Amino acid sequence: MNKIAQTCSQIQIMIEREIWEHKTAFIYTPLVLIGFIVICETIFLLSPDVQQSLRNFYQHLAHNPSSQQAIISNVSYGLFIPLNILLWIIIANYVLGCFYNERKDRSILFWQSLPIRQSHIITAKVITALVIIPVITLCYSALYILLFQTILSLFFWIDAGLFPTWYLQPTVFFHVYIQISSNIGKQIFILLPLISWFLLCSAFVKKSPIIFASLPLIAIAMIDMIMDPKRLISNFLISIFNALNNTINIRQDGSPPQSLFTFKYIIISMLLSYLLIRLSVSIRNQCLYHDKI
C-alpha cells in the first residue's frame, strides 16, 4: 500500500508540474477565446437585423414550448464547437511537444536524475492529456454557455420586457452538459491510438514532430488508395472522421456510428495504444534523448 501511495503521490506531483508549466495553454488560452467570442457575439447582438431575428426567435419559442429544449440544446452544442476544436488543438500541441521540448531544452537530464520511473512520467502526461485538459475545457464550457445564455436572456428582458425563465432551465443545461461531456469522452476513445502515436513521435524525433507524425499517416492512406481496391485503411479512417463529426455536429444525439464501437475495434485500439506508449517508455529508458536536437 505504501508503494502504491508513493506512486500516486509522484504522479500527482508531476501532473501539477505539467499544469504549472503549461498553464498558458491549458488555462489562459481558453479564457482568451471565450472572452473574444463573447465580445463578438455581444457586438453581433447589437445589429438591428439580428435584434429583429431574435425577437422572432423569442416569439417562436414562447408559442412553441415543445420545441424549446431541442432548440436551446442545439444552440448550446453550437456554442461549444469552438472550444471543442481548441481542446484538440491544445491536446495535439501538448502531446507532440511534451517529450520533444524536454529533450530540446535538456531538462530531461534533470528529471532522469530523479528516482522516478519513466512509466510514471508518461502516465502523468497521458492523464494530463486525456483527463486534465478535457476537464478544464468542460469547466470553461459550462461558464461560457451560462454566460451566453444569460446575455441572451437579458437582451430579451431589456428589449421585450420579458425574462425567459425557461431559457435558463437547470434541466436543459444539465442535459446539454452531460451530452457534451459524453461526446468528449467518445472523441478521446476514438483518437486514443493517434494520441499515443503523437507521444511516441515526441519521444524520439529530432525535428518537427508534427511533420514526422503526419507524413506516415498520409503515406499509408495514399498507398492504400493506390494499391488496395477495397481501400480498407482509407474507409476505416473515413469512418473515424465521420464518428468524430457526429460528436461535434449540432445535434441532440451525438453518438458515433455503432459500427465503429465494435468489440474488435475496442481491442485493437487499446492494444495499439498500449504498445505505442510502452515503446515510448522503452525509448526514453534507452537514453536516446541524450542526442542533441
Protein backbone atom coordinates (compact mmCIF):
# COMPACT_ATOMS: atom_id res chain seq x y z
CA MET A 1 0.00 0.00 0.00
CA ASN A 2 2.86 2.39 0.82
CA LYS A 3 4.39 1.77 -2.62
CA ILE A 4 1.07 2.44 -4.35
CA ALA A 5 0.54 5.60 -2.32
CA GLN A 6 4.06 6.77 -3.16
CA THR A 7 3.49 6.11 -6.87
CA CYS A 8 0.19 8.00 -6.84
CA SER A 9 1.85 10.88 -4.99
CA GLN A 10 4.63 11.08 -7.58
CA ILE A 11 2.16 11.05 -10.46
CA GLN A 12 0.06 13.75 -8.78
CA ILE A 13 3.11 15.96 -8.31
CA MET A 14 4.10 15.50 -11.96
CA ILE A 15 0.57 16.33 -13.12
CA GLU A 16 0.65 19.53 -11.05
CA ARG A 17 4.00 20.31 -12.63
CA GLU A 18 2.54 19.80 -16.13
CA ILE A 19 -0.34 22.15 -15.34
CA TRP A 20 2.03 24.78 -13.95
CA GLU A 21 4.39 24.58 -16.94
CA HIS A 22 1.55 24.72 -19.49
CA LYS A 23 -0.88 27.00 -17.67
CA THR A 24 -0.86 29.47 -20.57
CA ALA A 25 -2.17 26.83 -22.98
CA PHE A 26 -4.38 24.97 -20.51
CA ILE A 27 -5.92 27.87 -18.58
CA TYR A 28 -5.37 31.25 -20.24
CA THR A 29 -5.88 30.34 -23.91
CA PRO A 30 -9.47 29.04 -23.43
CA LEU A 31 -10.29 32.12 -21.36
CA VAL A 32 -8.98 34.42 -24.10
CA LEU A 33 -11.01 32.54 -26.72
CA ILE A 34 -14.17 32.71 -24.59
CA GLY A 35 -13.69 36.43 -23.98
CA PHE A 36 -13.13 37.09 -27.68
CA ILE A 37 -16.20 35.05 -28.71
CA VAL A 38 -18.43 36.71 -26.09
CA ILE A 39 -17.35 40.19 -27.23
CA CYS A 40 -18.02 39.29 -30.88
CA GLU A 41 -21.39 37.77 -30.01
CA THR A 42 -22.38 40.83 -27.98
CA ILE A 43 -21.49 43.14 -30.87
CA PHE A 44 -23.38 40.81 -33.20
CA LEU A 45 -26.48 41.02 -31.00
CA LEU A 46 -26.47 44.81 -31.25
CA SER A 47 -27.13 44.70 -35.00
CA PRO A 48 -30.72 45.84 -35.81
CA ASP A 49 -31.28 42.94 -38.22
CA VAL A 50 -30.08 40.44 -35.63
CA GLN A 51 -32.29 42.01 -32.97
CA GLN A 52 -35.34 41.61 -35.19
CA SER A 53 -34.42 37.98 -35.88
CA LEU A 54 -34.03 37.37 -32.14
CA ARG A 55 -37.48 38.88 -31.49
CA ASN A 56 -38.96 36.47 -34.00
CA PHE A 57 -36.95 33.66 -32.44
CA TYR A 58 -38.24 34.55 -28.97
CA GLN A 59 -41.84 34.69 -30.13
CA HIS A 60 -41.47 31.32 -31.84
CA LEU A 61 -40.10 29.70 -28.69
CA ALA A 62 -42.66 31.38 -26.45
CA HIS A 63 -45.53 29.97 -28.54
CA ASN A 64 -43.94 26.54 -29.08
CA PRO A 65 -42.98 25.16 -25.65
CA SER A 66 -42.42 21.67 -27.07
CA SER A 67 -39.52 22.90 -29.23
CA GLN A 68 -37.79 24.97 -26.55
CA GLN A 69 -35.50 22.28 -25.19
CA ALA A 70 -34.45 20.97 -28.61
CA ILE A 71 -33.61 24.43 -29.98
CA ILE A 72 -31.81 25.59 -26.85
CA SER A 73 -29.84 22.33 -26.74
CA ASN A 74 -28.74 22.69 -30.35
CA VAL A 75 -27.73 26.31 -29.76
CA SER A 76 -25.65 25.21 -26.77
CA TYR A 77 -23.96 22.46 -28.80
CA GLY A 78 -23.11 25.05 -31.42
CA LEU A 79 -21.60 27.33 -28.79
CA PHE A 80 -19.29 24.51 -27.69
CA ILE A 81 -17.85 23.82 -31.16
CA PRO A 82 -15.05 26.48 -30.96
CA LEU A 83 -13.99 25.17 -27.54
CA ASN A 84 -14.15 21.59 -28.83
CA ILE A 85 -11.80 22.44 -31.69
CA LEU A 86 -9.49 24.37 -29.35
CA LEU A 87 -9.44 21.38 -26.97
CA TRP A 88 -7.92 19.09 -29.59
CA ILE A 89 -5.50 21.74 -30.79
CA ILE A 90 -4.22 22.07 -27.21
CA ILE A 91 -4.03 18.28 -26.71
CA ALA A 92 -2.23 17.72 -30.04
CA ASN A 93 0.23 20.54 -29.33
CA TYR A 94 0.86 19.18 -25.83
CA VAL A 95 1.45 15.52 -26.71
CA LEU A 96 3.62 16.41 -29.71
CA GLY A 97 5.83 18.69 -27.65
CA CYS A 98 5.88 17.27 -24.11
CA PHE A 99 8.83 14.88 -24.68
CA TYR A 100 10.39 16.76 -27.58
CA ASN A 101 10.70 20.01 -25.62
CA GLU A 102 12.26 18.22 -22.65
CA ARG A 103 14.98 16.86 -24.91
CA LYS A 104 15.37 20.17 -26.69
CA ASP A 105 15.96 22.24 -23.54
CA ARG A 106 17.86 19.33 -21.86
CA SER A 107 15.52 19.34 -18.85
CA ILE A 108 15.15 15.59 -19.42
CA LEU A 109 18.56 15.15 -17.83
CA PHE A 110 17.31 16.65 -14.58
CA TRP A 111 14.17 14.52 -14.47
CA GLN A 112 16.16 11.41 -15.35
CA SER A 113 18.43 12.03 -12.36
CA LEU A 114 15.46 11.80 -10.00
CA PRO A 115 14.26 8.44 -8.61
CA ILE A 116 11.18 8.43 -10.83
CA ARG A 117 10.34 5.73 -13.34
CA GLN A 118 9.78 6.74 -16.94
CA SER A 119 6.47 4.88 -16.91
CA HIS A 120 5.24 7.17 -14.12
CA ILE A 121 6.28 10.25 -16.08
CA ILE A 122 4.45 9.07 -19.19
CA THR A 123 1.41 8.10 -17.10
CA ALA A 124 1.27 11.65 -15.72
CA LYS A 125 1.47 13.11 -19.23
CA VAL A 126 -1.23 10.75 -20.56
CA ILE A 127 -3.54 11.64 -17.66
CA THR A 128 -2.85 15.33 -18.29
CA ALA A 129 -3.72 14.98 -21.98
CA LEU A 130 -6.76 12.72 -21.64
CA VAL A 131 -8.26 13.89 -18.33
CA ILE A 132 -6.93 17.22 -17.05
CA ILE A 133 -7.15 19.23 -20.29
CA PRO A 134 -10.69 17.99 -21.14
CA VAL A 135 -11.89 18.64 -17.57
CA ILE A 136 -10.55 22.21 -17.67
CA THR A 137 -12.19 22.77 -21.06
CA LEU A 138 -15.51 21.35 -19.84
CA CYS A 139 -15.45 23.70 -16.83
CA TYR A 140 -14.86 26.64 -19.13
CA SER A 141 -17.59 25.43 -21.50
CA ALA A 142 -20.11 25.44 -18.64
CA LEU A 143 -19.11 29.02 -17.78
CA TYR A 144 -19.27 30.06 -21.43
CA ILE A 145 -22.69 28.53 -22.16
CA LEU A 146 -24.19 30.00 -18.98
CA LEU A 147 -22.68 33.41 -19.76
CA PHE A 148 -24.06 33.45 -23.29
CA GLN A 149 -27.48 32.26 -22.18
CA THR A 150 -27.55 34.99 -19.53
CA ILE A 151 -26.58 37.67 -22.06
CA LEU A 152 -29.27 36.49 -24.49
CA SER A 153 -31.87 36.32 -21.71
CA LEU A 154 -31.00 39.86 -20.59
CA PHE A 155 -31.40 41.01 -24.17
CA PHE A 156 -34.91 39.52 -24.28
CA TRP A 157 -35.68 41.18 -20.95
CA ILE A 158 -34.41 44.64 -21.96
CA ASP A 159 -35.82 44.54 -25.49
CA ALA A 160 -39.18 42.85 -24.89
CA GLY A 161 -39.65 43.43 -21.17
CA LEU A 162 -39.88 39.67 -20.56
CA PHE A 163 -37.30 37.49 -18.88
CA PRO A 164 -37.43 34.00 -20.43
CA THR A 165 -37.03 31.86 -17.34
CA TRP A 166 -37.46 28.75 -19.48
CA TYR A 167 -34.19 29.63 -21.24
CA LEU A 168 -32.20 29.07 -18.06
CA GLN A 169 -33.83 25.82 -17.01
CA PRO A 170 -31.30 23.74 -14.99
CA THR A 171 -32.60 20.52 -16.52
CA VAL A 172 -31.88 21.74 -20.06
CA PHE A 173 -28.38 22.91 -19.12
CA PHE A 174 -27.67 19.66 -17.26
CA HIS A 175 -28.81 17.59 -20.25
CA VAL A 176 -26.63 19.60 -22.64
CA TYR A 177 -23.59 19.44 -20.35
CA ILE A 178 -23.90 15.67 -19.88
CA GLN A 179 -24.15 15.18 -23.65
CA ILE A 180 -21.12 17.41 -24.30
CA SER A 181 -19.09 15.54 -21.67
CA SER A 182 -20.14 12.22 -23.22
CA ASN A 183 -19.11 13.41 -26.67
CA ILE A 184 -15.69 14.46 -25.40
CA GLY A 185 -15.24 11.02 -23.84
CA LYS A 186 -16.12 9.37 -27.17
CA GLN A 187 -13.66 11.62 -29.00
CA ILE A 188 -10.89 10.65 -26.57
CA PHE A 189 -11.64 6.96 -27.09
CA ILE A 190 -11.69 7.32 -30.90
CA LEU A 191 -8.42 9.28 -31.02
CA LEU A 192 -6.54 7.31 -28.35
CA PRO A 193 -4.26 5.49 -30.87
CA LEU A 194 -3.47 8.80 -32.60
CA ILE A 195 -2.63 10.46 -29.28
CA SER A 196 -0.35 7.52 -28.40
CA TRP A 197 1.35 7.83 -31.80
CA PHE A 198 1.93 11.56 -31.20
CA LEU A 199 3.52 10.74 -27.82
CA LEU A 200 5.84 8.22 -29.46
CA CYS A 201 6.90 10.73 -32.12
CA SER A 202 7.55 13.32 -29.42
CA ALA A 203 9.77 10.82 -27.61
CA PHE A 204 12.32 10.24 -30.37
CA VAL A 205 12.09 12.60 -33.36
CA LYS A 206 14.79 15.24 -33.63
CA LYS A 207 12.92 17.87 -35.65
CA SER A 208 9.32 18.89 -36.40
CA PRO A 209 7.26 16.25 -34.54
CA ILE A 210 4.06 17.35 -36.31
CA ILE A 211 5.57 16.69 -39.75
CA PHE A 212 7.04 13.33 -38.78
CA ALA A 213 3.76 12.28 -37.13
CA SER A 214 1.62 13.31 -40.11
CA LEU A 215 3.66 12.09 -43.08
CA PRO A 216 3.48 8.33 -42.33
CA LEU A 217 -0.30 8.52 -41.86
CA ILE A 218 -0.72 10.40 -45.14
CA ALA A 219 1.62 7.99 -46.95
CA ILE A 220 -0.26 4.93 -45.65
CA ALA A 221 -3.59 6.39 -46.74
CA MET A 222 -2.25 7.24 -50.22
CA ILE A 223 -0.65 3.80 -50.69
CA ASP A 224 -3.88 2.17 -49.58
CA MET A 225 -5.88 4.19 -52.10
CA ILE A 226 -3.49 3.23 -54.92
CA MET A 227 -2.68 -0.40 -54.09
CA ASP A 228 -5.82 -1.72 -52.37
CA PRO A 229 -9.01 -1.77 -54.49
CA LYS A 230 -11.12 -2.20 -51.35
CA ARG A 231 -9.37 0.73 -49.63
CA LEU A 232 -9.77 -0.82 -46.20
CA ILE A 233 -7.50 1.64 -44.41
CA SER A 234 -8.96 4.68 -46.14
CA ASN A 235 -12.51 3.56 -45.39
CA PHE A 236 -11.57 2.95 -41.77
CA LEU A 237 -10.09 6.46 -41.48
CA ILE A 238 -13.22 7.89 -43.09
CA SER A 239 -15.41 6.04 -40.57
CA ILE A 240 -13.34 7.52 -37.74
CA PHE A 241 -13.72 11.01 -39.24
CA ASN A 242 -17.48 10.52 -39.54
CA ALA A 243 -17.67 9.36 -35.92
CA LEU A 244 -15.80 12.47 -34.78
CA ASN A 245 -18.01 14.64 -36.96
CA ASN A 246 -21.09 13.20 -35.28
CA THR A 247 -19.76 14.15 -31.84
CA ILE A 248 -19.13 17.75 -32.94
CA ASN A 249 -22.18 18.46 -35.10
CA ILE A 250 -25.07 20.48 -33.66
CA ARG A 251 -27.48 17.71 -32.77
CA GLN A 252 -29.02 16.21 -29.69
CA ASP A 253 -27.91 12.69 -30.49
CA GLY A 254 -24.13 13.00 -30.76
CA SER A 255 -23.37 9.27 -30.69
CA PRO A 256 -20.91 7.99 -33.30
CA PRO A 257 -21.90 5.18 -35.67
CA GLN A 258 -22.32 1.96 -33.75
CA SER A 259 -20.23 0.09 -36.30
CA LEU A 260 -17.11 1.87 -35.04
CA PHE A 261 -17.62 0.78 -31.44
CA THR A 262 -17.36 -2.93 -32.07
CA PHE A 263 -15.55 -5.24 -29.68
CA LYS A 264 -12.86 -5.77 -32.33
CA TYR A 265 -12.21 -2.05 -32.65
CA ILE A 266 -12.04 -1.63 -28.87
CA ILE A 267 -9.46 -4.42 -28.53
CA ILE A 268 -7.33 -3.20 -31.44
CA SER A 269 -7.47 0.42 -30.24
CA MET A 270 -6.46 -0.44 -26.67
CA LEU A 271 -3.68 -2.83 -27.72
CA LEU A 272 -2.25 -0.42 -30.28
CA SER A 273 -2.30 2.46 -27.82
CA TYR A 274 -0.66 0.33 -25.12
CA LEU A 275 2.11 -0.81 -27.49
CA LEU A 276 2.83 2.75 -28.64
CA ILE A 277 3.00 4.04 -25.07
CA ARG A 278 5.23 1.13 -23.96
CA LEU A 279 7.51 1.85 -26.90
CA SER A 280 7.73 5.48 -25.76
CA VAL A 281 8.78 4.29 -22.30
CA SER A 282 11.39 1.99 -23.81
CA ILE A 283 12.86 4.75 -25.96
CA ARG A 284 13.23 7.11 -23.01
CA ASN A 285 14.77 4.36 -20.87
CA GLN A 286 17.41 3.73 -23.53
CA CYS A 287 18.78 7.25 -23.13
CA LEU A 288 18.07 8.18 -26.73
CA TYR A 289 17.22 11.66 -25.52
CA HIS A 290 20.92 12.44 -24.91
CA ASP A 291 21.30 13.12 -28.63
CA LYS A 292 21.22 16.82 -29.39
CA ILE A 293 18.21 18.05 -31.33
